[in-house]
Amino acid sequence: MKTIVVGVGGMTNGGKSTLSKSLHQQIPNSCLIAQDSYFKDDSVVPVDSNGFKQYDMLDALHMDRMMSEVDSWRRDPETFLRRRGLNPERTTPPEDEEVYVLIVEGFLIFNHRPLNELFHKRYSMEIPYDVCKTRRSSRVYTPPDAPGYFDGHVWPMYLKHRQEMESSLSGMLFLDGLKPKEELLAEVYEDVCKEIKRLRGKWQFNNTSTTNPYYLF
């Protein structure tokens, strides 16, 4: 059994969740862990001097619980899949090792070193400031964003974390979040499939790819 851990990060409302879910649906024997599922209760999230809740920080997340889930998958991907109601699939000939893929999605996944060190592939969704702000304002959050929250906290923290990320790692593929969803999916899917084939020691696509543009196994 071989494993690949894929990270899909980037700014708020950049399209990382949509891409990650689509990727999960396309790749056999994959699992998806989303960072947003590990926010701490609102009552314990600190407030800055402007009265803004500090949600865009690692301290606002139960990263220990998230890492526990990731480690659980790494120990036994098959059992992890079954625990989530998914059945492992045989996608290779009996003589080949099966490859299991974990997709980790979130806005600060590359800023948490223990997690970042596990990624084999890294993708970051990018969209312009004005598009990001418009998308953010159209969504309803619990608790809701306070007036001025985007410019006073969300965007400045994104820039800060992005700078930290750029200075500490390489091998990141930045994706244009304004591209059509299908185009982004095809690009990332093919890249991940190449990594899977590299692990298997095979690079040729089989004939099945002619009937399904996303099937590269």
C-alpha atoms as a PDB file:
ATOM      1  CA  MET A   1       0.000   0.000   0.000  1.00  0.00           C
ATOM      2  CA  LYS A   2       1.237   3.461  -0.933  1.00  0.00           C
ATOM      3  CA  THR A   3      -0.126   6.852   0.060  1.00  0.00           C
ATOM      4  CA  ILE A   4      -0.194  10.425  -1.200  1.00  0.00           C
ATOM      5  CA  VAL A   5      -1.190  13.491   0.796  1.00  0.00           C
ATOM      6  CA  VAL A   6      -2.461  16.428  -1.266  1.00  0.00           C
ATOM      7  CA  GLY A   7      -2.919  19.939   0.125  1.00  0.00           C
ATOM      8  CA  VAL A   8      -5.412  22.405  -1.369  1.00  0.00           C
ATOM      9  CA  GLY A   9      -5.139  25.811   0.270  1.00  0.00           C
ATOM     10  CA  GLY A  10      -5.514  29.486  -0.444  1.00  0.00           C
ATOM     11  CA  MET A  11      -7.640  32.461   0.473  1.00  0.00           C
ATOM     12  CA  THR A  12     -11.186  32.524   1.741  1.00  0.00           C
ATOM     13  CA  ASN A  13     -13.794  31.977  -0.979  1.00  0.00           C
ATOM     14  CA  GLY A  14     -11.076  31.168  -3.501  1.00  0.00           C
ATOM     15  CA  GLY A  15     -12.671  27.898  -4.623  1.00  0.00           C
ATOM     16  CA  LYS A  16     -10.540  25.440  -2.662  1.00  0.00           C
ATOM     17  CA  SER A  17     -13.507  23.565  -1.170  1.00  0.00           C
ATOM     18  CA  THR A  18     -15.189  23.120  -4.544  1.00  0.00           C
ATOM     19  CA  LEU A  19     -11.967  21.880  -6.122  1.00  0.00           C
ATOM     20  CA  SER A  20     -11.212  19.531  -3.231  1.00  0.00           C
ATOM     21  CA  LYS A  21     -14.675  17.951  -3.252  1.00  0.00           C
ATOM     22  CA  SER A  22     -14.553  17.453  -7.025  1.00  0.00           C
ATOM     23  CA  LEU A  23     -11.070  15.949  -6.788  1.00  0.00           C
ATOM     24  CA  HIS A  24     -12.239  13.578  -4.068  1.00  0.00           C
ATOM     25  CA  GLN A  25     -15.146  12.439  -6.260  1.00  0.00           C
ATOM     26  CA  GLN A  26     -12.812  11.728  -9.186  1.00  0.00           C
ATOM     27  CA  ILE A  27      -9.991   9.883  -7.415  1.00  0.00           C
ATOM     28  CA  PRO A  28     -10.672   6.318  -6.242  1.00  0.00           C
ATOM     29  CA  ASN A  29      -9.661   5.483  -2.676  1.00  0.00           C
ATOM     30  CA  SER A  30      -9.407   9.132  -1.677  1.00  0.00           C
ATOM     31  CA  CYS A  31     -10.497  10.861   1.506  1.00  0.00           C
ATOM     32  CA  LEU A  32     -11.104  14.534   2.237  1.00  0.00           C
ATOM     33  CA  ILE A  33     -10.320  16.343   5.483  1.00  0.00           C
ATOM     34  CA  ALA A  34     -11.418  19.997   5.675  1.00  0.00           C
ATOM     35  CA  GLN A  35      -9.758  22.426   8.080  1.00  0.00           C
ATOM     36  CA  ASP A  36     -12.984  24.376   8.553  1.00  0.00           C
ATOM     37  CA  SER A  37     -14.353  21.405  10.508  1.00  0.00           C
ATOM     38  CA  TYR A  38     -11.899  22.100  13.333  1.00  0.00           C
ATOM     39  CA  PHE A  39     -12.745  25.648  14.412  1.00  0.00           C
ATOM     40  CA  LYS A  40     -12.900  26.201  18.151  1.00  0.00           C
ATOM     41  CA  ASP A  41     -16.083  27.420  19.789  1.00  0.00           C
ATOM     42  CA  ASP A  42     -16.731  31.116  19.255  1.00  0.00           C
ATOM     43  CA  SER A  43     -16.545  31.738  23.007  1.00  0.00           C
ATOM     44  CA  VAL A  44     -12.826  30.912  23.129  1.00  0.00           C
ATOM     45  CA  VAL A  45     -11.699  32.653  19.940  1.00  0.00           C
ATOM     46  CA  PRO A  46      -9.669  35.755  20.930  1.00  0.00           C
ATOM     47  CA  VAL A  47     -10.653  39.312  19.998  1.00  0.00           C
ATOM     48  CA  ASP A  48      -8.162  41.913  18.737  1.00  0.00           C
ATOM     49  CA  SER A  49      -7.915  45.597  19.698  1.00  0.00           C
ATOM     50  CA  ASN A  50     -10.478  46.493  17.015  1.00  0.00           C
ATOM     51  CA  GLY A  51     -13.026  44.079  18.402  1.00  0.00           C
ATOM     52  CA  PHE A  52     -12.601  41.563  15.564  1.00  0.00           C
ATOM     53  CA  LYS A  53     -12.725  37.854  16.323  1.00  0.00           C
ATOM     54  CA  GLN A  54      -9.395  36.276  15.372  1.00  0.00           C
ATOM     55  CA  TYR A  55     -10.729  33.407  13.295  1.00  0.00           C
ATOM     56  CA  ASP A  56      -8.023  33.625  10.639  1.00  0.00           C
ATOM     57  CA  MET A  57      -5.309  32.263  12.916  1.00  0.00           C
ATOM     58  CA  LEU A  58      -4.096  28.785  13.789  1.00  0.00           C
ATOM     59  CA  ASP A  59      -4.994  29.436  17.436  1.00  0.00           C
ATOM     60  CA  ALA A  60      -8.667  29.507  16.407  1.00  0.00           C
ATOM     61  CA  LEU A  61      -8.447  25.897  15.227  1.00  0.00           C
ATOM     62  CA  HIS A  62      -8.194  22.526  16.947  1.00  0.00           C
ATOM     63  CA  MET A  63      -5.110  21.597  14.953  1.00  0.00           C
ATOM     64  CA  ASP A  64      -4.334  18.766  17.391  1.00  0.00           C
ATOM     65  CA  ARG A  65      -7.637  17.095  16.499  1.00  0.00           C
ATOM     66  CA  MET A  66      -7.078  17.656  12.810  1.00  0.00           C
ATOM     67  CA  MET A  67      -3.594  16.143  12.979  1.00  0.00           C
ATOM     68  CA  SER A  68      -5.018  13.183  14.881  1.00  0.00           C
ATOM     69  CA  GLU A  69      -7.399  12.515  11.981  1.00  0.00           C
ATOM     70  CA  VAL A  70      -4.604  12.858   9.428  1.00  0.00           C
ATOM     71  CA  ASP A  71      -2.399  10.485  11.425  1.00  0.00           C
ATOM     72  CA  SER A  72      -5.266   8.020  11.702  1.00  0.00           C
ATOM     73  CA  TRP A  73      -5.567   7.970   7.900  1.00  0.00           C
ATOM     74  CA  ARG A  74      -1.803   7.568   7.477  1.00  0.00           C
ATOM     75  CA  ARG A  75      -1.755   4.560   9.812  1.00  0.00           C
ATOM     76  CA  ASP A  76      -4.540   2.697   8.007  1.00  0.00           C
ATOM     77  CA  PRO A  77      -6.227   4.350   4.983  1.00  0.00           C
ATOM     78  CA  GLU A  78      -8.506   1.366   4.343  1.00  0.00           C
ATOM     79  CA  THR A  79      -9.977   1.390   7.837  1.00  0.00           C
ATOM     80  CA  PHE A  80     -10.265   5.177   7.695  1.00  0.00           C
ATOM     81  CA  LEU A  81     -12.265   4.928   4.466  1.00  0.00           C
ATOM     82  CA  ARG A  82     -14.625   2.321   5.907  1.00  0.00           C
ATOM     83  CA  ARG A  83     -15.107   4.431   9.042  1.00  0.00           C
ATOM     84  CA  ARG A  84     -16.417   7.171   6.772  1.00  0.00           C
ATOM     85  CA  GLY A  85     -18.759   4.845   4.964  1.00  0.00           C
ATOM     86  CA  LEU A  86     -16.527   4.468   1.892  1.00  0.00           C
ATOM     87  CA  ASN A  87     -15.480   1.149   0.408  1.00  0.00           C
ATOM     88  CA  PRO A  88     -11.862   0.741  -0.775  1.00  0.00           C
ATOM     89  CA  GLU A  89     -11.647  -0.055  -4.503  1.00  0.00           C
ATOM     90  CA  ARG A  90      -9.242  -2.266  -6.406  1.00  0.00           C
ATOM     91  CA  THR A  91      -8.022  -0.010  -9.247  1.00  0.00           C
ATOM     92  CA  THR A  92      -4.829  -1.850 -10.184  1.00  0.00           C
ATOM     93  CA  PRO A  93      -3.838  -5.387 -11.215  1.00  0.00           C
ATOM     94  CA  PRO A  94      -3.244  -7.729  -8.247  1.00  0.00           C
ATOM     95  CA  GLU A  95       0.523  -7.471  -8.610  1.00  0.00           C
ATOM     96  CA  ASP A  96       0.469  -3.661  -8.170  1.00  0.00           C
ATOM     97  CA  GLU A  97       0.194  -1.832  -4.868  1.00  0.00           C
ATOM     98  CA  GLU A  98      -2.943   0.215  -4.336  1.00  0.00           C
ATOM     99  CA  VAL A  99      -2.437   3.950  -3.857  1.00  0.00           C
ATOM    100  CA  TYR A 100      -4.569   5.839  -1.323  1.00  0.00           C
ATOM    101  CA  VAL A 101      -4.933   9.602  -1.517  1.00  0.00           C
ATOM    102  CA  LEU A 102      -5.705  12.016   1.302  1.00  0.00           C
ATOM    103  CA  ILE A 103      -6.894  15.490   0.254  1.00  0.00           C
ATOM    104  CA  VAL A 104      -6.469  18.106   2.969  1.00  0.00           C
ATOM    105  CA  GLU A 105      -8.252  21.396   2.347  1.00  0.00           C
ATOM    106  CA  GLY A 106      -8.036  24.643   4.275  1.00  0.00           C
ATOM    107  CA  PHE A 107      -6.894  28.233   4.450  1.00  0.00           C
ATOM    108  CA  LEU A 108      -3.974  27.636   6.843  1.00  0.00           C
ATOM    109  CA  ILE A 109      -2.882  24.101   6.041  1.00  0.00           C
ATOM    110  CA  PHE A 110       0.515  25.241   4.732  1.00  0.00           C
ATOM    111  CA  ASN A 111       1.194  27.405   7.789  1.00  0.00           C
ATOM    112  CA  HIS A 112       1.060  24.514  10.242  1.00  0.00           C
ATOM    113  CA  ARG A 113       4.494  22.937   9.892  1.00  0.00           C
ATOM    114  CA  PRO A 114       3.689  19.392  11.128  1.00  0.00           C
ATOM    115  CA  LEU A 115       0.909  19.189   8.543  1.00  0.00           C
ATOM    116  CA  ASN A 116       2.734  20.972   5.748  1.00  0.00           C
ATOM    117  CA  GLU A 117       5.644  18.534   5.996  1.00  0.00           C
ATOM    118  CA  LEU A 118       3.324  15.670   5.040  1.00  0.00           C
ATOM    119  CA  PHE A 119       2.213  17.001   1.651  1.00  0.00           C
ATOM    120  CA  HIS A 120       3.432  15.398  -1.551  1.00  0.00           C
ATOM    121  CA  LYS A 121       1.535  17.918  -3.705  1.00  0.00           C
ATOM    122  CA  ARG A 122       0.557  21.491  -2.805  1.00  0.00           C
ATOM    123  CA  TYR A 123      -1.982  23.722  -4.563  1.00  0.00           C
ATOM    124  CA  SER A 124      -3.050  27.235  -3.629  1.00  0.00           C
ATOM    125  CA  MET A 125      -6.143  28.934  -5.033  1.00  0.00           C
ATOM    126  CA  GLU A 126      -5.711  32.634  -5.843  1.00  0.00           C
ATOM    127  CA  ILE A 127      -8.300  35.292  -6.733  1.00  0.00           C
ATOM    128  CA  PRO A 128      -8.068  39.127  -6.782  1.00  0.00           C
ATOM    129  CA  TYR A 129      -8.928  41.196  -3.722  1.00  0.00           C
ATOM    130  CA  ASP A 130     -12.142  42.641  -5.178  1.00  0.00           C
ATOM    131  CA  VAL A 131     -13.468  39.233  -6.235  1.00  0.00           C
ATOM    132  CA  CYS A 132     -12.604  37.755  -2.866  1.00  0.00           C
ATOM    133  CA  LYS A 133     -14.373  40.560  -1.017  1.00  0.00           C
ATOM    134  CA  THR A 134     -17.477  40.283  -3.198  1.00  0.00           C
ATOM    135  CA  ARG A 135     -17.690  36.519  -2.721  1.00  0.00           C
ATOM    136  CA  ARG A 136     -17.151  36.841   1.025  1.00  0.00           C
ATOM    137  CA  SER A 137     -19.923  39.441   1.360  1.00  0.00           C
ATOM    138  CA  SER A 138     -22.393  37.175  -0.451  1.00  0.00           C
ATOM    139  CA  ARG A 139     -21.981  34.328   2.040  1.00  0.00           C
ATOM    140  CA  VAL A 140     -23.604  33.973   5.434  1.00  0.00           C
ATOM    141  CA  TYR A 141     -21.318  32.993   8.317  1.00  0.00           C
ATOM    142  CA  THR A 142     -22.072  31.898  11.874  1.00  0.00           C
ATOM    143  CA  PRO A 143     -21.347  34.169  13.600  1.00  0.00           C
ATOM    144  CA  PRO A 144     -21.805  36.739  10.806  1.00  0.00           C
ATOM    145  CA  ASP A 145     -18.925  38.976   9.734  1.00  0.00           C
ATOM    146  CA  ALA A 146     -18.867  42.265  11.641  1.00  0.00           C
ATOM    147  CA  PRO A 147     -18.814  45.506   9.601  1.00  0.00           C
ATOM    148  CA  GLY A 148     -15.282  46.093   8.302  1.00  0.00           C
ATOM    149  CA  TYR A 149     -14.203  42.551   9.191  1.00  0.00           C
ATOM    150  CA  PHE A 150     -12.885  41.670   5.737  1.00  0.00           C
ATOM    151  CA  ASP A 151     -10.615  44.702   5.374  1.00  0.00           C
ATOM    152  CA  GLY A 152      -9.781  44.911   9.064  1.00  0.00           C
ATOM    153  CA  HIS A 153      -8.930  41.270   9.682  1.00  0.00           C
ATOM    154  CA  VAL A 154      -9.548  38.714   6.906  1.00  0.00           C
ATOM    155  CA  TRP A 155      -7.497  40.273   4.103  1.00  0.00           C
ATOM    156  CA  PRO A 156      -4.572  41.497   6.259  1.00  0.00           C
ATOM    157  CA  MET A 157      -4.267  38.046   7.850  1.00  0.00           C
ATOM    158  CA  TYR A 158      -4.367  36.379   4.443  1.00  0.00           C
ATOM    159  CA  LEU A 159      -1.477  38.562   3.235  1.00  0.00           C
ATOM    160  CA  LYS A 160       0.475  37.841   6.424  1.00  0.00           C
ATOM    161  CA  HIS A 161      -0.002  34.081   6.189  1.00  0.00           C
ATOM    162  CA  ARG A 162       0.747  34.040   2.475  1.00  0.00           C
ATOM    163  CA  GLN A 163       4.059  35.814   3.078  1.00  0.00           C
ATOM    164  CA  GLU A 164       4.942  33.317   5.806  1.00  0.00           C
ATOM    165  CA  MET A 165       4.010  30.433   3.521  1.00  0.00           C
ATOM    166  CA  GLU A 166       6.061  31.721   0.583  1.00  0.00           C
ATOM    167  CA  SER A 167       9.142  32.174   2.730  1.00  0.00           C
ATOM    168  CA  SER A 168       9.057  28.681   4.204  1.00  0.00           C
ATOM    169  CA  LEU A 169       8.235  26.288   1.391  1.00  0.00           C
ATOM    170  CA  SER A 170       8.719  25.470  -2.271  1.00  0.00           C
ATOM    171  CA  GLY A 171       6.922  23.226  -4.709  1.00  0.00           C
ATOM    172  CA  MET A 172       3.636  25.120  -4.538  1.00  0.00           C
ATOM    173  CA  LEU A 173       1.432  25.294  -7.619  1.00  0.00           C
ATOM    174  CA  PHE A 174      -0.599  28.505  -7.583  1.00  0.00           C
ATOM    175  CA  LEU A 175      -3.957  28.212  -9.338  1.00  0.00           C
ATOM    176  CA  ASP A 176      -6.044  30.974 -10.904  1.00  0.00           C
ATOM    177  CA  GLY A 177      -9.371  30.740  -9.106  1.00  0.00           C
ATOM    178  CA  LEU A 178     -11.079  32.701 -11.896  1.00  0.00           C
ATOM    179  CA  LYS A 179     -10.600  29.849 -14.352  1.00  0.00           C
ATOM    180  CA  PRO A 180     -13.574  27.556 -15.060  1.00  0.00           C
ATOM    181  CA  LYS A 181     -14.014  24.904 -12.371  1.00  0.00           C
ATOM    182  CA  GLU A 182     -13.706  22.106 -14.917  1.00  0.00           C
ATOM    183  CA  GLU A 183     -10.378  23.444 -16.157  1.00  0.00           C
ATOM    184  CA  LEU A 184      -8.957  23.698 -12.645  1.00  0.00           C
ATOM    185  CA  LEU A 185     -10.133  20.207 -11.801  1.00  0.00           C
ATOM    186  CA  ALA A 186      -8.614  18.735 -14.948  1.00  0.00           C
ATOM    187  CA  GLU A 187      -5.265  20.437 -14.267  1.00  0.00           C
ATOM    188  CA  VAL A 188      -4.978  19.280 -10.673  1.00  0.00           C
ATOM    189  CA  TYR A 189      -6.414  15.861 -11.342  1.00  0.00           C
ATOM    190  CA  GLU A 190      -3.867  15.146 -14.043  1.00  0.00           C
ATOM    191  CA  ASP A 191      -1.039  16.357 -11.818  1.00  0.00           C
ATOM    192  CA  VAL A 192      -2.121  14.115  -8.947  1.00  0.00           C
ATOM    193  CA  CYS A 193      -2.539  11.164 -11.299  1.00  0.00           C
ATOM    194  CA  LYS A 194       1.023  11.632 -12.515  1.00  0.00           C
ATOM    195  CA  GLU A 195       2.186  11.382  -8.916  1.00  0.00           C
ATOM    196  CA  ILE A 196       0.130   8.230  -8.443  1.00  0.00           C
ATOM    197  CA  LYS A 197       1.651   6.712 -11.569  1.00  0.00           C
ATOM    198  CA  ARG A 198       5.115   7.741 -10.424  1.00  0.00           C
ATOM    199  CA  LEU A 199       4.570   5.740  -7.239  1.00  0.00           C
ATOM    200  CA  ARG A 200       3.369   2.788  -9.252  1.00  0.00           C
ATOM    201  CA  GLY A 201       6.261   3.123 -11.674  1.00  0.00           C
ATOM    202  CA  LYS A 202       3.900   3.545 -14.605  1.00  0.00           C
ATOM    203  CA  TRP A 203       3.492   6.607 -16.796  1.00  0.00           C
ATOM    204  CA  GLN A 204       1.323   5.439 -19.690  1.00  0.00           C
ATOM    205  CA  PHE A 205      -2.400   6.118 -19.504  1.00  0.00           C
ATOM    206  CA  ASN A 206      -4.479   3.082 -20.332  1.00  0.00           C
ATOM    207  CA  ASN A 207      -7.128   2.969 -23.033  1.00  0.00           C
ATOM    208  CA  THR A 208      -9.885   3.751 -20.558  1.00  0.00           C
ATOM    209  CA  SER A 209      -8.863   7.421 -20.684  1.00  0.00           C
ATOM    210  CA  THR A 210     -10.425   7.714 -24.149  1.00  0.00           C
ATOM    211  CA  THR A 211     -13.885   7.216 -22.723  1.00  0.00           C
ATOM    212  CA  ASN A 212     -13.542   9.322 -19.600  1.00  0.00           C
ATOM    213  CA  PRO A 213     -11.409  12.493 -19.734  1.00  0.00           C
ATOM    214  CA  TYR A 214     -10.849  12.314 -15.974  1.00  0.00           C
ATOM    215  CA  TYR A 215      -9.954   8.633 -15.788  1.00  0.00           C
ATOM    216  CA  LEU A 216      -6.194   8.321 -15.865  1.00  0.00           C
ATOM    217  CA  PHE A 217      -5.818   5.089 -13.971  1.00  0.00           C
END
